[in-house]
Amino acid sequence: MSSSTARRPSFRDVFAYPEYRALWVSYLLSMTGDRLALVALTLLVYDRSKSPLLAAVTFAAGFVPYLFGGLFLSGLADRMPRRTVMVASDLIRCVLVAGMLVPGVPLAAMIVLLYAVTLLQPPFDAARSAIVRDVVSKEQYPLAIAINGTTIRTVYVAGAAAGGLIVALFGPRPALGADAATFIASALLLQFGVHARPAVTPGDGAPRPVGQLVEGIRLVFGDPSLRILMGFGWLAAFSEVPEGIAAPYAGRLGGGAIAAGLLIATSQLGAGVITPLFTKKIGPLTRLKWMGPMAFLACAVLVVAVAHLGLVLSMALFALSNVFTMYQIAANTAFVERIPNEKRGQAFGLANAGLIVGQGVAFALAGAAAEVVPPSAVVALSGGIGALIAGGLAIRWRGMSPVIGRHTARHLGREASLTRRTPIRSGSL
């Protein structure tokens, strides 16, 4: 077939789009600042309270408000120009983070401000995720997602390690100041580096958060394939539990802030290194075929933590677990190609809300469990539960599509034709 002999798109092709470069750099800046701030506050709370539960709840404070923003604010990415949504979200969050720097602000007030910052993350994420598909072609989209995923993990490596080091040497305020500055830089990049596009579903200007939420729920949960794909995405709540209890985990091993930062960092290192190669060398149908087994392994390997490993072996185990999270590339690509452009923001909002809130709840529950049992046992239990769920999803996916790729390719082709009929401003494909 021609598809087998044609030149595959490369990462250089993706970065050839100026708009994508602006989106990527702005995302890199925002993620770096957010990671520094979140790690700094989490370690600050644990240092003052010595409570695994309070540390995990603080870490979850960066996730739980995502539920409300994801459900009721993500639709703004469909009803308003997406660039406007991203720029406004950045500027408002800059003001909120700057409030944390006011001298004498109590720790509780900082956590409240962190909740407010997180509340505005879903509309930004929904707009960014939706506009990436407008900027690059269908063939290049998986590579763009792989770049974003590797960027996130690289930022986790640098941000978590740097966050622990900054808190240990200087305290949390420099990390919070850097976070505020990155929001300003991100807003400027988006305003001047991304083309203005009209809203994809312009209306009378009246807000319809509830109506859009109902429509999004019907779309996502009414399609069995979308439900399963979203379930695969939400499995991250189980495989990323080691991050949420990194501080008590490191403390149980005799380590401090730097050890906790290293555990968080290396938990993302595996996928950050392997994901680009996986996406570039493995075709889309093979990625879908491997999606179920890799999702299972991402959780199952964490069961080994029950053996009470040392720091180095724990870092290696968490990195291996995240190597298998590469299956998220296949799930994300199949999900976005099944969603019409005019519903993309709300659909991404629902999917991201479930993922982020699931992570926050899992972190809080893991922290509570670590109050009474060793953190290593909590990690192993989380991995075992996640593996059982992943196995069920994999069986349902194969039962829905006995020949991997046949139904998917037909569905992708139909959705691609819909996407091509969607009017897009100049500068996009």
Protein backbone atom coordinates (compact mmCIF):
# COMPACT_ATOMS: atom_id res chain seq x y z
CA MET A 1 0.00 0.00 0.00
CA SER A 2 1.12 3.53 -0.51
CA SER A 3 0.87 4.21 3.16
CA SER A 4 3.63 1.70 3.77
CA THR A 5 6.08 3.27 1.33
CA ALA A 6 5.26 6.93 1.88
CA ARG A 7 7.60 8.95 4.04
CA ARG A 8 6.42 9.03 7.61
CA PRO A 9 6.11 12.47 9.22
CA SER A 10 8.94 13.44 11.52
CA PHE A 11 9.23 15.55 14.63
CA ARG A 12 10.97 18.18 12.52
CA ASP A 13 7.82 18.39 10.38
CA VAL A 14 5.74 19.13 13.46
CA PHE A 15 8.09 21.83 14.70
CA ALA A 16 8.09 23.38 11.23
CA TYR A 17 4.76 25.02 12.08
CA PRO A 18 5.38 28.37 13.84
CA GLU A 19 2.06 28.10 15.64
CA TYR A 20 2.94 24.73 17.09
CA ARG A 21 6.30 26.07 18.26
CA ALA A 22 4.54 28.91 20.08
CA LEU A 23 2.06 26.49 21.66
CA TRP A 24 4.85 24.16 22.71
CA VAL A 25 7.10 26.83 24.26
CA SER A 26 4.19 28.41 26.13
CA TYR A 27 3.19 24.99 27.45
CA LEU A 28 6.78 24.29 28.49
CA LEU A 29 6.98 27.54 30.43
CA SER A 30 3.64 27.09 32.20
CA MET A 31 4.31 23.47 33.10
CA THR A 32 7.75 24.27 34.51
CA GLY A 33 6.40 27.02 36.74
CA ASP A 34 3.43 24.95 37.90
CA ARG A 35 5.63 22.00 38.78
CA LEU A 36 8.00 24.14 40.82
CA ALA A 37 5.10 25.69 42.73
CA LEU A 38 3.27 22.42 43.39
CA VAL A 39 6.35 20.56 44.60
CA ALA A 40 7.37 23.54 46.74
CA LEU A 41 4.00 23.78 48.50
CA THR A 42 3.74 20.01 49.00
CA LEU A 43 7.18 19.79 50.58
CA LEU A 44 6.51 22.89 52.67
CA VAL A 45 3.36 21.37 54.16
CA TYR A 46 5.05 18.04 54.88
CA ASP A 47 8.04 19.78 56.44
CA ARG A 48 5.79 21.71 58.84
CA SER A 49 3.27 18.97 59.66
CA LYS A 50 5.18 15.69 59.10
CA SER A 51 1.80 14.28 58.03
CA PRO A 52 1.58 12.07 54.90
CA LEU A 53 -2.15 12.83 54.70
CA LEU A 54 -1.71 16.61 54.70
CA ALA A 55 1.12 16.38 52.17
CA ALA A 56 -1.02 14.26 49.85
CA VAL A 57 -4.04 16.57 50.29
CA THR A 58 -1.85 19.54 49.36
CA PHE A 59 -0.60 17.71 46.28
CA ALA A 60 -4.23 16.87 45.47
CA ALA A 61 -5.12 20.57 45.79
CA GLY A 62 -3.45 21.01 42.43
CA PHE A 63 -5.89 18.49 40.92
CA VAL A 64 -9.27 18.29 42.67
CA PRO A 65 -10.62 21.72 41.52
CA TYR A 66 -10.04 20.47 37.99
CA LEU A 67 -13.39 18.66 38.30
CA PHE A 68 -15.42 21.86 38.38
CA GLY A 69 -13.31 23.66 35.80
CA GLY A 70 -13.31 20.63 33.52
CA LEU A 71 -17.07 20.19 33.71
CA PHE A 72 -18.26 23.79 33.55
CA LEU A 73 -15.46 25.88 32.04
CA SER A 74 -13.97 23.67 29.30
CA GLY A 75 -16.86 24.49 26.98
CA LEU A 76 -15.45 28.01 26.72
CA ALA A 77 -12.88 26.53 24.33
CA ASP A 78 -15.72 25.81 21.88
CA ARG A 79 -17.85 28.94 22.37
CA MET A 80 -15.01 31.49 22.49
CA PRO A 81 -11.87 31.94 20.37
CA ARG A 82 -9.43 29.37 21.72
CA ARG A 83 -6.43 31.69 21.73
CA THR A 84 -8.40 34.20 23.80
CA VAL A 85 -9.30 31.50 26.32
CA MET A 86 -5.64 30.49 26.74
CA VAL A 87 -4.30 34.04 27.09
CA ALA A 88 -6.98 35.07 29.59
CA SER A 89 -6.40 31.93 31.67
CA ASP A 90 -2.66 32.62 31.81
CA LEU A 91 -3.05 36.23 32.91
CA ILE A 92 -5.59 35.49 35.64
CA ARG A 93 -3.47 32.64 37.00
CA CYS A 94 -0.44 34.94 37.09
CA VAL A 95 -2.34 37.31 39.38
CA LEU A 96 -3.41 34.42 41.65
CA VAL A 97 0.11 33.04 41.98
CA ALA A 98 1.44 36.52 42.64
CA GLY A 99 -0.97 36.63 45.58
CA MET A 100 0.91 33.73 47.16
CA LEU A 101 4.01 35.93 47.26
CA VAL A 102 2.41 38.60 49.46
CA PRO A 103 4.34 38.63 52.76
CA GLY A 104 2.50 37.01 55.64
CA VAL A 105 0.06 34.98 53.56
CA PRO A 106 -0.96 31.95 55.68
CA LEU A 107 -0.32 28.46 54.40
CA ALA A 108 -4.06 27.80 54.20
CA ALA A 109 -4.52 30.86 51.96
CA MET A 110 -1.78 29.63 49.64
CA ILE A 111 -3.59 26.31 49.25
CA VAL A 112 -6.85 28.16 48.48
CA LEU A 113 -5.06 30.20 45.81
CA LEU A 114 -3.64 26.99 44.41
CA TYR A 115 -7.19 25.66 44.14
CA ALA A 116 -8.18 28.80 42.21
CA VAL A 117 -5.21 28.46 39.86
CA THR A 118 -6.15 24.85 39.14
CA LEU A 119 -9.77 25.84 38.50
CA LEU A 120 -8.62 27.86 35.49
CA GLN A 121 -6.40 25.12 34.09
CA PRO A 122 -9.17 23.09 32.35
CA PRO A 123 -10.30 25.80 29.87
CA PHE A 124 -6.66 26.45 29.00
CA ASP A 125 -5.95 22.74 28.50
CA ALA A 126 -9.13 22.18 26.49
CA ALA A 127 -8.35 25.11 24.18
CA ARG A 128 -4.73 24.03 23.74
CA SER A 129 -5.59 20.37 23.08
CA ALA A 130 -8.26 21.34 20.57
CA ILE A 131 -6.16 23.87 18.68
CA VAL A 132 -3.20 21.51 18.29
CA ARG A 133 -5.33 19.34 15.99
CA ASP A 134 -6.07 22.47 13.89
CA VAL A 135 -2.40 23.38 13.62
CA VAL A 136 -1.00 20.00 12.50
CA SER A 137 -2.27 17.32 10.12
CA LYS A 138 -3.91 14.05 11.14
CA GLU A 139 -0.71 12.11 10.39
CA GLN A 140 1.40 14.52 12.45
CA TYR A 141 -0.99 14.69 15.41
CA PRO A 142 0.35 11.56 17.21
CA LEU A 143 3.85 13.02 16.99
CA ALA A 144 2.59 16.31 18.42
CA ILE A 145 0.98 14.42 21.31
CA ALA A 146 4.21 12.48 21.86
CA ILE A 147 6.16 15.74 21.98
CA ASN A 148 3.72 17.15 24.52
CA GLY A 149 3.92 13.98 26.60
CA THR A 150 7.70 13.95 26.58
CA THR A 151 7.72 17.65 27.43
CA ILE A 152 5.49 17.02 30.44
CA ARG A 153 7.72 14.24 31.68
CA THR A 154 10.89 16.22 31.09
CA VAL A 155 9.39 19.09 33.04
CA TYR A 156 8.47 16.65 35.81
CA VAL A 157 12.07 15.46 35.91
CA ALA A 158 13.54 18.96 36.00
CA GLY A 159 10.73 20.64 37.92
CA ALA A 160 10.40 18.03 40.64
CA ALA A 161 14.15 17.74 41.22
CA ALA A 162 14.63 21.52 41.04
CA GLY A 163 11.61 22.06 43.28
CA GLY A 164 13.03 19.83 45.97
CA LEU A 165 16.44 21.48 45.69
CA ILE A 166 15.06 25.04 45.74
CA VAL A 167 12.92 24.34 48.79
CA ALA A 168 15.86 22.73 50.57
CA LEU A 169 18.19 25.68 49.83
CA PHE A 170 16.02 28.79 49.53
CA GLY A 171 12.45 28.00 50.57
CA PRO A 172 9.29 28.02 48.44
CA ARG A 173 9.04 31.71 47.44
CA PRO A 174 11.52 31.59 44.49
CA ALA A 175 9.58 28.69 42.98
CA LEU A 176 6.29 30.61 43.30
CA GLY A 177 7.84 33.71 41.75
CA ALA A 178 9.07 31.69 38.77
CA ASP A 179 5.56 30.28 38.32
CA ALA A 180 4.04 33.76 38.09
CA ALA A 181 6.64 34.86 35.54
CA THR A 182 6.04 31.84 33.30
CA PHE A 183 2.35 32.69 33.00
CA ILE A 184 3.19 36.14 31.64
CA ALA A 185 5.67 34.73 29.14
CA SER A 186 3.18 32.07 28.03
CA ALA A 187 0.43 34.65 27.45
CA LEU A 188 2.73 36.79 25.30
CA LEU A 189 3.82 33.82 23.19
CA LEU A 190 0.24 32.74 22.56
CA GLN A 191 -1.00 36.24 21.75
CA PHE A 192 1.70 36.92 19.16
CA GLY A 193 2.58 33.41 18.00
CA VAL A 194 -0.83 31.81 17.40
CA HIS A 195 -3.32 32.93 14.74
CA ALA A 196 -6.65 34.31 15.85
CA ARG A 197 -9.46 31.91 14.99
CA PRO A 198 -13.17 32.46 15.49
CA ALA A 199 -15.11 30.33 17.93
CA VAL A 200 -16.05 27.00 16.35
CA THR A 201 -19.61 27.14 17.74
CA PRO A 202 -20.48 30.86 17.84
CA GLY A 203 -23.77 31.61 19.55
CA ASP A 204 -25.63 34.54 21.02
CA GLY A 205 -22.91 35.12 23.60
CA ALA A 206 -24.95 33.75 26.51
CA PRO A 207 -23.08 31.23 28.65
CA ARG A 208 -24.38 27.65 28.43
CA PRO A 209 -22.11 25.66 30.72
CA VAL A 210 -24.81 23.21 31.80
CA GLY A 211 -26.12 22.69 28.27
CA GLN A 212 -22.64 22.10 26.89
CA LEU A 213 -21.86 19.75 29.75
CA VAL A 214 -24.96 17.65 28.99
CA GLU A 215 -24.10 17.55 25.28
CA GLY A 216 -20.53 16.55 26.04
CA ILE A 217 -21.63 13.77 28.40
CA ARG A 218 -24.02 12.39 25.79
CA LEU A 219 -21.30 12.45 23.15
CA VAL A 220 -18.52 10.88 25.21
CA PHE A 221 -20.49 8.39 27.29
CA GLY A 222 -22.93 7.52 24.53
CA ASP A 223 -20.20 5.96 22.38
CA PRO A 224 -18.80 2.64 23.75
CA SER A 225 -15.44 3.16 22.05
CA LEU A 226 -15.05 6.64 23.54
CA ARG A 227 -15.92 5.31 26.99
CA ILE A 228 -13.22 2.64 26.79
CA LEU A 229 -10.62 5.06 25.41
CA MET A 230 -11.38 7.49 28.21
CA GLY A 231 -11.07 4.65 30.71
CA PHE A 232 -7.60 3.90 29.41
CA GLY A 233 -6.69 7.54 29.94
CA TRP A 234 -8.04 7.57 33.49
CA LEU A 235 -5.85 4.60 34.48
CA ALA A 236 -3.10 7.12 35.19
CA ALA A 237 -4.77 7.67 38.57
CA PHE A 238 -3.41 4.27 39.61
CA SER A 239 0.00 4.26 37.92
CA GLU A 240 0.94 7.71 39.23
CA VAL A 241 0.17 7.12 42.93
CA PRO A 242 3.94 7.01 43.69
CA GLU A 243 4.07 10.74 42.92
CA GLY A 244 1.34 11.63 45.37
CA ILE A 245 3.06 9.94 48.31
CA ALA A 246 6.66 10.58 47.26
CA ALA A 247 7.42 12.63 50.40
CA PRO A 248 6.37 9.94 52.92
CA TYR A 249 7.80 7.21 50.66
CA ALA A 250 11.18 8.95 50.68
CA GLY A 251 10.87 9.63 54.41
CA ARG A 252 10.31 5.93 55.09
CA LEU A 253 13.59 5.28 53.25
CA GLY A 254 15.40 7.87 55.33
CA GLY A 255 15.47 10.54 52.63
CA GLY A 256 14.32 14.16 52.59
CA ALA A 257 13.16 16.78 50.11
CA ILE A 258 15.77 15.95 47.46
CA ALA A 259 15.01 12.22 47.62
CA ALA A 260 11.29 12.94 47.24
CA GLY A 261 11.99 15.16 44.24
CA LEU A 262 14.08 12.43 42.64
CA LEU A 263 11.31 9.85 43.12
CA ILE A 264 8.80 12.16 41.43
CA ALA A 265 11.26 12.98 38.66
CA THR A 266 12.30 9.43 37.78
CA SER A 267 8.69 8.24 37.84
CA GLN A 268 8.31 10.21 34.58
CA LEU A 269 11.74 9.56 33.11
CA GLY A 270 11.04 6.21 31.44
CA ALA A 271 8.23 7.35 29.19
CA GLY A 272 9.96 10.66 28.53
CA VAL A 273 12.87 8.83 26.90
CA ILE A 274 11.00 6.05 25.08
CA THR A 275 7.77 7.74 23.94
CA PRO A 276 9.27 9.68 20.99
CA LEU A 277 10.86 6.50 19.59
CA PHE A 278 7.67 4.51 20.14
CA THR A 279 5.53 7.06 18.30
CA LYS A 280 7.99 7.57 15.44
CA LYS A 281 8.78 3.92 14.74
CA ILE A 282 5.49 2.15 15.53
CA GLY A 283 2.49 2.54 13.23
CA PRO A 284 -0.96 3.66 14.46
CA LEU A 285 -2.61 0.25 14.16
CA THR A 286 0.20 -1.45 16.08
CA ARG A 287 -0.05 1.21 18.78
CA LEU A 288 -3.74 0.40 19.14
CA LYS A 289 -3.00 -3.32 19.27
CA TRP A 290 -0.49 -2.85 22.09
CA MET A 291 -2.63 -0.36 24.00
CA GLY A 292 -4.33 -2.89 26.31
CA PRO A 293 -1.25 -4.96 27.26
CA MET A 294 0.84 -1.85 27.90
CA ALA A 295 -1.88 -0.31 30.07
CA PHE A 296 -1.92 -3.51 32.13
CA LEU A 297 1.87 -3.54 32.56
CA ALA A 298 1.99 0.15 33.52
CA CYS A 299 0.06 -0.73 36.67
CA ALA A 300 1.09 -4.35 37.24
CA VAL A 301 4.83 -3.69 37.64
CA LEU A 302 4.13 -1.48 40.66
CA VAL A 303 3.11 -4.57 42.63
CA VAL A 304 6.85 -5.24 43.01
CA ALA A 305 7.00 -2.28 45.43
CA VAL A 306 5.59 -4.58 48.12
CA ALA A 307 9.14 -5.94 48.48
CA HIS A 308 10.20 -2.68 50.26
CA LEU A 309 12.81 -1.65 47.69
CA GLY A 310 15.51 0.90 48.40
CA LEU A 311 15.66 4.36 46.86
CA VAL A 312 17.54 3.45 43.67
CA LEU A 313 15.43 0.38 42.91
CA SER A 314 12.25 2.32 43.65
CA MET A 315 13.30 5.00 41.18
CA ALA A 316 13.96 2.31 38.55
CA LEU A 317 10.59 0.64 39.20
CA PHE A 318 8.64 3.87 38.88
CA ALA A 319 10.49 4.71 35.65
CA LEU A 320 9.67 1.26 34.21
CA SER A 321 6.00 1.68 35.06
CA ASN A 322 5.87 4.93 33.14
CA VAL A 323 7.58 3.41 30.11
CA PHE A 324 4.38 1.44 29.53
CA THR A 325 2.20 4.55 29.78
CA MET A 326 3.12 5.15 26.14
CA TYR A 327 -0.22 3.49 25.38
CA GLN A 328 -1.77 6.90 26.13
CA ILE A 329 -0.59 8.10 22.70
CA ALA A 330 -2.86 5.56 20.98
CA ALA A 331 -5.79 6.30 23.28
CA ASN A 332 -5.46 10.07 22.84
CA THR A 333 -5.18 9.92 19.05
CA ALA A 334 -8.16 7.60 18.63
CA PHE A 335 -10.19 9.75 21.01
CA VAL A 336 -9.58 13.08 19.28
CA GLU A 337 -10.27 11.74 15.79
CA ARG A 338 -13.68 10.51 16.95
CA ILE A 339 -14.72 13.95 18.25
CA PRO A 340 -16.09 16.66 15.87
CA ASN A 341 -14.16 19.91 16.06
CA GLU A 342 -17.11 21.88 17.42
CA LYS A 343 -17.35 19.50 20.42
CA ARG A 344 -13.65 19.00 20.96
CA GLY A 345 -13.13 21.45 23.81
CA GLN A 346 -15.93 20.09 26.00
CA ALA A 347 -14.96 16.48 25.26
CA PHE A 348 -11.35 17.15 26.22
CA GLY A 349 -12.59 18.93 29.31
CA LEU A 350 -14.56 15.88 30.45
CA ALA A 351 -11.70 13.50 29.74
CA ASN A 352 -9.11 15.71 31.44
CA ALA A 353 -11.39 16.39 34.41
CA GLY A 354 -11.82 12.68 35.07
CA LEU A 355 -8.09 12.11 34.74
CA ILE A 356 -7.00 14.96 36.97
CA VAL A 357 -9.69 14.45 39.60
CA GLY A 358 -9.01 10.71 39.63
CA GLN A 359 -5.36 11.45 40.29
CA GLY A 360 -6.20 13.88 43.07
CA VAL A 361 -8.58 11.45 44.79
CA ALA A 362 -6.10 8.61 44.40
CA PHE A 363 -3.33 10.76 45.92
CA ALA A 364 -5.52 11.70 48.89
CA LEU A 365 -6.61 8.10 49.52
CA ALA A 366 -3.03 6.90 49.15
CA GLY A 367 -1.87 9.49 51.66
CA ALA A 368 -4.55 8.40 54.12
CA ALA A 369 -3.56 4.76 53.69
CA ALA A 370 0.12 5.64 54.18
CA GLU A 371 -0.78 6.89 57.67
CA VAL A 372 -1.39 3.29 58.78
CA VAL A 373 0.56 1.06 56.36
CA PRO A 374 3.97 1.45 54.66
CA PRO A 375 3.89 3.68 51.53
CA SER A 376 5.42 0.82 49.51
CA ALA A 377 2.38 -1.34 50.30
CA VAL A 378 0.09 1.49 49.15
CA VAL A 379 1.94 1.71 45.82
CA ALA A 380 1.72 -2.06 45.31
CA LEU A 381 -2.03 -2.12 46.09
CA SER A 382 -2.70 0.75 43.69
CA GLY A 383 -0.80 -1.04 40.94
CA GLY A 384 -2.73 -4.25 41.49
CA ILE A 385 -6.13 -2.54 41.34
CA GLY A 386 -5.12 -0.61 38.22
CA ALA A 387 -3.92 -3.81 36.52
CA LEU A 388 -7.28 -5.50 37.11
CA ILE A 389 -9.14 -2.54 35.60
CA ALA A 390 -6.71 -2.34 32.67
CA GLY A 391 -7.23 -6.03 31.93
CA GLY A 392 -10.99 -5.54 31.80
CA LEU A 393 -10.69 -2.56 29.47
CA ALA A 394 -8.31 -4.46 27.19
CA ILE A 395 -10.74 -7.37 26.89
CA ARG A 396 -13.65 -5.05 26.10
CA TRP A 397 -11.60 -3.17 23.50
CA ARG A 398 -10.61 -6.35 21.69
CA GLY A 399 -14.15 -7.64 21.90
CA MET A 400 -15.39 -4.45 20.30
CA SER A 401 -12.74 -4.56 17.56
CA PRO A 402 -11.78 -8.23 16.94
CA VAL A 403 -9.46 -7.21 14.09
CA ILE A 404 -7.45 -4.35 15.52
CA GLY A 405 -7.54 -1.34 13.23
CA ARG A 406 -10.38 -2.35 10.90
CA HIS A 407 -13.16 -0.58 12.77
CA THR A 408 -10.77 2.12 13.93
CA ALA A 409 -9.46 2.93 10.49
CA ARG A 410 -12.98 3.16 9.09
CA HIS A 411 -14.04 5.43 11.97
CA LEU A 412 -10.92 7.59 11.68
CA GLY A 413 -11.48 8.04 7.99
CA ARG A 414 -15.05 9.21 8.54
CA GLU A 415 -14.04 11.65 11.28
CA ALA A 416 -11.11 12.91 9.21
CA SER A 417 -13.50 13.81 6.40
CA LEU A 418 -15.59 15.78 8.89
CA THR A 419 -12.49 17.58 10.08
CA ARG A 420 -11.49 18.50 6.55
CA ARG A 421 -14.90 20.07 6.02
CA THR A 422 -14.44 22.28 9.11
CA PRO A 423 -13.41 25.80 8.02
CA ILE A 424 -9.97 26.70 9.39
CA ARG A 425 -8.20 30.01 9.13
CA SER A 426 -5.05 30.37 7.06
CA GLY A 427 -1.89 29.02 8.58
CA SER A 428 -3.41 25.66 9.55
CA LEU A 429 -3.80 22.39 7.79
